[in-house]
PDB file of N, CA and C in Angstrom:
ATOM      1  N   MET A   1     -21.452 -19.384 -16.089  1.00  0.00           N
ATOM      2  CA  MET A   1     -20.489 -17.754 -15.738  1.00  0.00           C
ATOM      3  C   MET A   1     -19.899 -18.308 -14.437  1.00  0.00           C
ATOM      4  N   PRO A   2     -18.836 -18.202 -13.959  1.00  0.00           N
ATOM      5  CA  PRO A   2     -18.387 -18.007 -12.725  1.00  0.00           C
ATOM      6  C   PRO A   2     -18.744 -17.248 -11.592  1.00  0.00           C
ATOM      7  N   ILE A   3     -18.941 -17.333 -10.732  1.00  0.00           N
ATOM      8  CA  ILE A   3     -19.009 -16.059  -9.552  1.00  0.00           C
ATOM      9  C   ILE A   3     -18.346 -15.913  -9.130  1.00  0.00           C
ATOM     10  N   SER A   4     -17.549 -14.416  -9.139  1.00  0.00           N
ATOM     11  CA  SER A   4     -16.897 -13.249  -8.863  1.00  0.00           C
ATOM     12  C   SER A   4     -16.482 -12.901  -7.018  1.00  0.00           C
ATOM     13  N   VAL A   5     -16.097 -13.594  -5.858  1.00  0.00           N
ATOM     14  CA  VAL A   5     -16.134 -13.192  -5.331  1.00  0.00           C
ATOM     15  C   VAL A   5     -15.211 -12.484  -4.323  1.00  0.00           C
ATOM     16  N   LYS A   6     -15.092 -11.338  -3.996  1.00  0.00           N
ATOM     17  CA  LYS A   6     -14.461 -10.459  -3.368  1.00  0.00           C
ATOM     18  C   LYS A   6     -14.483 -10.662  -1.526  1.00  0.00           C
ATOM     19  N   CYS A   7     -13.502 -10.112  -0.158  1.00  0.00           N
ATOM     20  CA  CYS A   7     -13.573 -10.184   0.619  1.00  0.00           C
ATOM     21  C   CYS A   7     -12.616  -9.106   0.811  1.00  0.00           C
ATOM     22  N   PHE A   8     -13.075  -8.120   1.595  1.00  0.00           N
ATOM     23  CA  PHE A   8     -13.135  -6.489   2.332  1.00  0.00           C
ATOM     24  C   PHE A   8     -12.701  -6.415   3.778  1.00  0.00           C
ATOM     25  N   ALA A   9     -11.511  -5.746   3.968  1.00  0.00           N
ATOM     26  CA  ALA A   9     -10.911  -5.095   5.131  1.00  0.00           C
ATOM     27  C   ALA A   9     -10.544  -6.741   6.490  1.00  0.00           C
ATOM     28  N   SER A  10     -10.422  -6.485   7.296  1.00  0.00           N
ATOM     29  CA  SER A  10     -10.058  -7.865   7.818  1.00  0.00           C
ATOM     30  C   SER A  10     -10.360  -8.927   7.746  1.00  0.00           C
ATOM     31  N   LEU A  11     -11.453  -9.075   6.681  1.00  0.00           N
ATOM     32  CA  LEU A  11     -11.363 -10.282   6.800  1.00  0.00           C
ATOM     33  C   LEU A  11     -11.061 -10.859   5.491  1.00  0.00           C
ATOM     34  N   ARG A  12     -10.489  -9.675   4.588  1.00  0.00           N
ATOM     35  CA  ARG A  12      -9.258  -9.927   3.593  1.00  0.00           C
ATOM     36  C   ARG A  12      -8.099 -10.860   3.831  1.00  0.00           C
ATOM     37  N   GLU A  13      -7.218  -9.955   5.308  1.00  0.00           N
ATOM     38  CA  GLU A  13      -6.142 -10.432   5.974  1.00  0.00           C
ATOM     39  C   GLU A  13      -5.871 -11.855   6.759  1.00  0.00           C
ATOM     40  N   LYS A  14      -7.846 -11.958   6.735  1.00  0.00           N
ATOM     41  CA  LYS A  14      -7.807 -12.987   8.258  1.00  0.00           C
ATOM     42  C   LYS A  14      -7.656 -14.560   6.854  1.00  0.00           C
ATOM     43  N   LEU A  15      -8.519 -14.139   5.841  1.00  0.00           N
ATOM     44  CA  LEU A  15      -8.794 -15.187   5.371  1.00  0.00           C
ATOM     45  C   LEU A  15      -7.612 -15.126   4.226  1.00  0.00           C
ATOM     46  N   GLY A  16      -7.037 -14.672   3.884  1.00  0.00           N
ATOM     47  CA  GLY A  16      -5.741 -14.344   1.826  1.00  0.00           C
ATOM     48  C   GLY A  16      -6.304 -14.091   0.959  1.00  0.00           C
ATOM     49  N   ILE A  17      -7.672 -13.897   1.049  1.00  0.00           N
ATOM     50  CA  ILE A  17      -8.775 -13.663  -0.247  1.00  0.00           C
ATOM     51  C   ILE A  17      -8.579 -12.269   0.006  1.00  0.00           C
ATOM     52  N   ASP A  18      -7.757 -11.839  -2.169  1.00  0.00           N
ATOM     53  CA  ASP A  18      -9.555 -10.325  -1.986  1.00  0.00           C
ATOM     54  C   ASP A  18     -10.484 -11.215  -2.610  1.00  0.00           C
ATOM     55  N   GLU A  19     -10.077 -11.764  -3.683  1.00  0.00           N
ATOM     56  CA  GLU A  19     -10.946 -11.688  -5.035  1.00  0.00           C
ATOM     57  C   GLU A  19     -10.564 -13.716  -5.238  1.00  0.00           C
ATOM     58  N   VAL A  20     -11.827 -14.201  -5.583  1.00  0.00           N
ATOM     59  CA  VAL A  20     -11.232 -15.438  -6.331  1.00  0.00           C
ATOM     60  C   VAL A  20     -13.222 -15.823  -6.609  1.00  0.00           C
ATOM     61  N   ILE A  21     -12.035 -16.506  -8.087  1.00  0.00           N
ATOM     62  CA  ILE A  21     -13.776 -17.365  -8.579  1.00  0.00           C
ATOM     63  C   ILE A  21     -14.098 -18.437  -8.234  1.00  0.00           C
ATOM     64  N   VAL A  22     -15.432 -18.203  -8.265  1.00  0.00           N
ATOM     65  CA  VAL A  22     -15.752 -19.778  -7.588  1.00  0.00           C
ATOM     66  C   VAL A  22     -17.267 -20.442  -8.998  1.00  0.00           C
ATOM     67  N   PRO A  23     -16.700 -21.649  -8.964  1.00  0.00           N
ATOM     68  CA  PRO A  23     -17.940 -21.795 -10.007  1.00  0.00           C
ATOM     69  C   PRO A  23     -19.591 -22.031  -9.400  1.00  0.00           C
ATOM     70  N   TYR A  24     -20.407 -21.657 -11.264  1.00  0.00           N
ATOM     71  CA  TYR A  24     -21.678 -21.386 -10.221  1.00  0.00           C
ATOM     72  C   TYR A  24     -22.026 -23.349 -10.165  1.00  0.00           C
ATOM     73  N   GLU A  25     -23.455 -23.418  -9.437  1.00  0.00           N
ATOM     74  CA  GLU A  25     -23.800 -24.634  -9.344  1.00  0.00           C
ATOM     75  C   GLU A  25     -25.332 -24.200  -9.652  1.00  0.00           C
ATOM     76  N   SER A  26     -26.151 -24.697 -10.196  1.00  0.00           N
ATOM     77  CA  SER A  26     -28.211 -23.997  -9.971  1.00  0.00           C
ATOM     78  C   SER A  26     -28.462 -24.266  -8.458  1.00  0.00           C
ATOM     79  N   LYS A  27     -28.878 -23.103  -7.455  1.00  0.00           N
ATOM     80  CA  LYS A  27     -30.025 -23.276  -6.918  1.00  0.00           C
ATOM     81  C   LYS A  27     -28.759 -22.707  -5.582  1.00  0.00           C
ATOM     82  N   MET A  28     -27.987 -22.185  -5.742  1.00  0.00           N
ATOM     83  CA  MET A  28     -26.068 -21.871  -4.930  1.00  0.00           C
ATOM     84  C   MET A  28     -27.171 -20.758  -4.368  1.00  0.00           C
ATOM     85  N   THR A  29     -26.909 -20.978  -2.901  1.00  0.00           N
ATOM     86  CA  THR A  29     -27.107 -19.303  -2.141  1.00  0.00           C
ATOM     87  C   THR A  29     -25.513 -19.175  -1.808  1.00  0.00           C
ATOM     88  N   VAL A  30     -26.149 -17.474  -1.332  1.00  0.00           N
ATOM     89  CA  VAL A  30     -24.543 -16.902  -0.483  1.00  0.00           C
ATOM     90  C   VAL A  30     -23.913 -17.708   0.424  1.00  0.00           C
ATOM     91  N   GLN A  31     -23.905 -18.336   0.835  1.00  0.00           N
ATOM     92  CA  GLN A  31     -23.634 -19.563   2.145  1.00  0.00           C
ATOM     93  C   GLN A  31     -22.617 -20.767   1.803  1.00  0.00           C
ATOM     94  N   ASP A  32     -23.913 -20.989   0.264  1.00  0.00           N
ATOM     95  CA  ASP A  32     -23.172 -22.498  -0.524  1.00  0.00           C
ATOM     96  C   ASP A  32     -21.597 -21.933  -0.702  1.00  0.00           C
ATOM     97  N   VAL A  33     -21.516 -19.937  -1.593  1.00  0.00           N
ATOM     98  CA  VAL A  33     -20.370 -19.469  -1.515  1.00  0.00           C
ATOM     99  C   VAL A  33     -19.388 -19.716  -0.646  1.00  0.00           C
ATOM    100  N   TRP A  34     -19.893 -19.482   0.570  1.00  0.00           N
ATOM    101  CA  TRP A  34     -19.045 -19.048   1.820  1.00  0.00           C
ATOM    102  C   TRP A  34     -17.706 -20.238   2.225  1.00  0.00           C
ATOM    103  N   CYS A  35     -18.948 -21.391   2.857  1.00  0.00           N
ATOM    104  CA  CYS A  35     -18.678 -22.428   3.230  1.00  0.00           C
ATOM    105  C   CYS A  35     -17.407 -22.930   1.326  1.00  0.00           C
ATOM    106  N   TYR A  36     -17.307 -22.801   0.419  1.00  0.00           N
ATOM    107  CA  TYR A  36     -17.370 -23.513   0.083  1.00  0.00           C
ATOM    108  C   TYR A  36     -15.377 -23.238  -0.930  1.00  0.00           C
ATOM    109  N   MET A  37     -15.743 -21.581  -0.122  1.00  0.00           N
ATOM    110  CA  MET A  37     -14.220 -20.815  -0.104  1.00  0.00           C
ATOM    111  C   MET A  37     -13.651 -20.969   1.840  1.00  0.00           C
ATOM    112  N   THR A  38     -14.260 -21.340   2.194  1.00  0.00           N
ATOM    113  CA  THR A  38     -13.453 -21.198   3.679  1.00  0.00           C
ATOM    114  C   THR A  38     -13.373 -23.228   3.991  1.00  0.00           C
ATOM    115  N   LYS A  39     -14.702 -23.473   3.672  1.00  0.00           N
ATOM    116  CA  LYS A  39     -14.717 -24.608   4.687  1.00  0.00           C
ATOM    117  C   LYS A  39     -15.744 -24.762   5.325  1.00  0.00           C
ATOM    118  N   GLN A  40     -15.703 -23.320   6.159  1.00  0.00           N
ATOM    119  CA  GLN A  40     -16.687 -23.360   7.122  1.00  0.00           C
ATOM    120  C   GLN A  40     -17.766 -22.933   7.541  1.00  0.00           C
ATOM    121  N   THR A  41     -18.477 -23.031   8.254  1.00  0.00           N
ATOM    122  CA  THR A  41     -20.144 -21.348   7.723  1.00  0.00           C
ATOM    123  C   THR A  41     -20.155 -20.534   8.874  1.00  0.00           C
ATOM    124  N   PRO A  42     -20.345 -19.463   7.962  1.00  0.00           N
ATOM    125  CA  PRO A  42     -20.052 -18.330   7.540  1.00  0.00           C
ATOM    126  C   PRO A  42     -19.979 -17.992   9.263  1.00  0.00           C
ATOM    127  N   PRO A  43     -19.535 -16.981   9.924  1.00  0.00           N
ATOM    128  CA  PRO A  43     -19.843 -16.383  10.816  1.00  0.00           C
ATOM    129  C   PRO A  43     -20.487 -15.897  11.680  1.00  0.00           C
ATOM    130  N   GLU A  44     -22.017 -14.944  12.590  1.00  0.00           N
ATOM    131  CA  GLU A  44     -23.198 -14.798  13.208  1.00  0.00           C
ATOM    132  C   GLU A  44     -23.346 -13.996  12.728  1.00  0.00           C
ATOM    133  N   ASN A  45     -21.727 -12.426  12.128  1.00  0.00           N
ATOM    134  CA  ASN A  45     -21.731 -10.964  12.079  1.00  0.00           C
ATOM    135  C   ASN A  45     -21.640 -10.449  11.316  1.00  0.00           C
ATOM    136  N   LEU A  46     -20.845 -11.741   9.631  1.00  0.00           N
ATOM    137  CA  LEU A  46     -20.455 -11.333   8.776  1.00  0.00           C
ATOM    138  C   LEU A  46     -21.945 -10.582   7.673  1.00  0.00           C
ATOM    139  N   LEU A  47     -21.029  -9.546   6.979  1.00  0.00           N
ATOM    140  CA  LEU A  47     -21.894  -8.936   6.337  1.00  0.00           C
ATOM    141  C   LEU A  47     -21.795  -9.355   5.002  1.00  0.00           C
ATOM    142  N   CYS A  48     -23.380 -10.139   4.018  1.00  0.00           N
ATOM    143  CA  CYS A  48     -22.514 -10.117   3.006  1.00  0.00           C
ATOM    144  C   CYS A  48     -23.401  -9.386   1.358  1.00  0.00           C
ATOM    145  N   ALA A  49     -23.088  -8.945   0.696  1.00  0.00           N
ATOM    146  CA  ALA A  49     -23.801  -8.272  -0.587  1.00  0.00           C
ATOM    147  C   ALA A  49     -23.572  -9.130  -1.707  1.00  0.00           C
ATOM    148  N   ARG A  50     -24.162  -9.141  -2.569  1.00  0.00           N
ATOM    149  CA  ARG A  50     -24.545  -9.487  -3.883  1.00  0.00           C
ATOM    150  C   ARG A  50     -25.180  -8.814  -5.390  1.00  0.00           C
ATOM    151  N   ASN A  51     -24.320  -8.157  -6.136  1.00  0.00           N
ATOM    152  CA  ASN A  51     -24.320  -7.336  -7.169  1.00  0.00           C
ATOM    153  C   ASN A  51     -24.557  -6.018  -6.178  1.00  0.00           C
ATOM    154  N   HIS A  52     -23.972  -6.361  -5.088  1.00  0.00           N
ATOM    155  CA  HIS A  52     -24.047  -4.305  -4.868  1.00  0.00           C
ATOM    156  C   HIS A  52     -24.923  -4.117  -4.381  1.00  0.00           C
ATOM    157  N   GLU A  53     -25.463  -5.457  -3.950  1.00  0.00           N
ATOM    158  CA  GLU A  53     -26.718  -4.786  -2.613  1.00  0.00           C
ATOM    159  C   GLU A  53     -26.886  -5.877  -1.059  1.00  0.00           C
ATOM    160  N   TYR A  54     -26.757  -5.175  -0.227  1.00  0.00           N
ATOM    161  CA  TYR A  54     -27.038  -6.189   1.169  1.00  0.00           C
ATOM    162  C   TYR A  54     -28.287  -7.557   0.560  1.00  0.00           C
ATOM    163  N   VAL A  55     -27.932  -8.576   1.468  1.00  0.00           N
ATOM    164  CA  VAL A  55     -28.596 -10.018   1.333  1.00  0.00           C
ATOM    165  C   VAL A  55     -28.320 -10.563   1.767  1.00  0.00           C
ATOM    166  N   ASP A  56     -29.000 -11.244   2.588  1.00  0.00           N
ATOM    167  CA  ASP A  56     -29.146 -12.444   3.563  1.00  0.00           C
ATOM    168  C   ASP A  56     -28.318 -13.713   2.849  1.00  0.00           C
ATOM    169  N   PHE A  57     -27.944 -14.616   3.738  1.00  0.00           N
ATOM    170  CA  PHE A  57     -26.849 -15.634   3.208  1.00  0.00           C
ATOM    171  C   PHE A  57     -27.787 -16.857   2.780  1.00  0.00           C
ATOM    172  N   THR A  58     -28.469 -17.086   2.989  1.00  0.00           N
ATOM    173  CA  THR A  58     -29.579 -17.556   1.822  1.00  0.00           C
ATOM    174  C   THR A  58     -30.346 -17.238   0.600  1.00  0.00           C
ATOM    175  N   GLU A  59     -29.855 -15.935   0.316  1.00  0.00           N
ATOM    176  CA  GLU A  59     -30.388 -15.763  -1.162  1.00  0.00           C
ATOM    177  C   GLU A  59     -29.423 -16.199  -1.744  1.00  0.00           C
ATOM    178  N   THR A  60     -30.324 -16.995  -2.789  1.00  0.00           N
ATOM    179  CA  THR A  60     -30.026 -17.690  -4.188  1.00  0.00           C
ATOM    180  C   THR A  60     -29.371 -16.783  -5.258  1.00  0.00           C
ATOM    181  N   ILE A  61     -28.294 -17.433  -5.884  1.00  0.00           N
ATOM    182  CA  ILE A  61     -27.028 -15.877  -6.799  1.00  0.00           C
ATOM    183  C   ILE A  61     -27.141 -17.133  -7.757  1.00  0.00           C
ATOM    184  N   ASN A  62     -27.637 -16.126  -8.639  1.00  0.00           N
ATOM    185  CA  ASN A  62     -27.772 -16.851 -10.548  1.00  0.00           C
ATOM    186  C   ASN A  62     -25.846 -16.064 -10.981  1.00  0.00           C
ATOM    187  N   ASP A  63     -25.884 -16.914 -12.176  1.00  0.00           N
ATOM    188  CA  ASP A  63     -25.323 -17.368 -13.369  1.00  0.00           C
ATOM    189  C   ASP A  63     -24.547 -15.640 -13.675  1.00  0.00           C
ATOM    190  N   GLY A  64     -22.981 -16.212 -12.798  1.00  0.00           N
ATOM    191  CA  GLY A  64     -22.762 -14.719 -13.211  1.00  0.00           C
ATOM    192  C   GLY A  64     -22.346 -13.604 -12.353  1.00  0.00           C
ATOM    193  N   ASP A  65     -22.757 -13.906 -10.589  1.00  0.00           N
ATOM    194  CA  ASP A  65     -23.421 -12.463  -9.836  1.00  0.00           C
ATOM    195  C   ASP A  65     -21.852 -12.170  -9.353  1.00  0.00           C
ATOM    196  N   GLU A  66     -21.976 -11.520  -8.707  1.00  0.00           N
ATOM    197  CA  GLU A  66     -20.649 -10.449  -7.899  1.00  0.00           C
ATOM    198  C   GLU A  66     -21.219 -10.753  -6.897  1.00  0.00           C
ATOM    199  N   ILE A  67     -20.127 -11.624  -5.810  1.00  0.00           N
ATOM    200  CA  ILE A  67     -20.328 -11.437  -4.154  1.00  0.00           C
ATOM    201  C   ILE A  67     -19.272 -11.286  -3.735  1.00  0.00           C
ATOM    202  N   ALA A  68     -19.619 -10.015  -2.407  1.00  0.00           N
ATOM    203  CA  ALA A  68     -19.286  -9.495  -1.537  1.00  0.00           C
ATOM    204  C   ALA A  68     -19.704 -10.039  -0.452  1.00  0.00           C
ATOM    205  N   PHE A  69     -18.204  -9.893   0.992  1.00  0.00           N
ATOM    206  CA  PHE A  69     -18.189 -10.506   2.344  1.00  0.00           C
ATOM    207  C   PHE A  69     -17.527  -9.448   2.809  1.00  0.00           C
ATOM    208  N   PHE A  70     -18.313  -8.999   3.808  1.00  0.00           N
ATOM    209  CA  PHE A  70     -17.664  -7.692   4.950  1.00  0.00           C
ATOM    210  C   PHE A  70     -17.403  -8.399   6.170  1.00  0.00           C
ATOM    211  N   PRO A  71     -16.528  -7.945   7.313  1.00  0.00           N
ATOM    212  CA  PRO A  71     -16.535  -7.787   8.941  1.00  0.00           C
ATOM    213  C   PRO A  71     -18.301  -6.897   8.358  1.00  0.00           C
ATOM    214  N   PRO A  72     -18.558  -7.322  10.282  1.00  0.00           N
ATOM    215  CA  PRO A  72     -19.291  -6.248  10.488  1.00  0.00           C
ATOM    216  C   PRO A  72     -18.187  -4.555  10.856  1.00  0.00           C
ATOM    217  N   VAL A  73     -19.328  -3.796   9.808  1.00  0.00           N
ATOM    218  CA  VAL A  73     -18.323  -2.131  10.551  1.00  0.00           C
ATOM    219  C   VAL A  73     -19.776  -1.283  11.599  1.00  0.00           C
ATOM    220  N   THR A  74     -18.585  -0.485  11.833  1.00  0.00           N
ATOM    221  CA  THR A  74     -18.653   0.121  13.528  1.00  0.00           C
ATOM    222  C   THR A  74     -18.650   1.736  12.985  1.00  0.00           C
ATOM    223  N   GLY A  75     -18.868   2.519  13.354  1.00  0.00           N
ATOM    224  CA  GLY A  75     -18.844   4.110  13.229  1.00  0.00           C
ATOM    225  C   GLY A  75     -18.851   5.420  14.696  1.00  0.00           C
ATOM    226  N   GLY A  76     -18.708   5.730  14.917  1.00  0.00           N
ATOM    227  CA  GLY A  76     -19.007   7.207  15.639  1.00  0.00           C
ATOM    228  C   GLY A  76     -19.166   7.886  15.381  1.00  0.00           C
TER     229      GLY A  76
END
């Protein structure tokens, strides 16, 4: 089963990606997903989530997971 990837806010506009499907590979990490999509290493301040929970980029993903990427969030 493939990995569903979503990008939010300004990141979606910058990359031109709303949602994309990435093929699953064994021992794949969140960073691997980002690199597959963008051909770049992730920016230092980028946030990510796996199945609606924030995770580190080194987190291993499972077949069928949903990955989301967010720009840094600020508030007042």
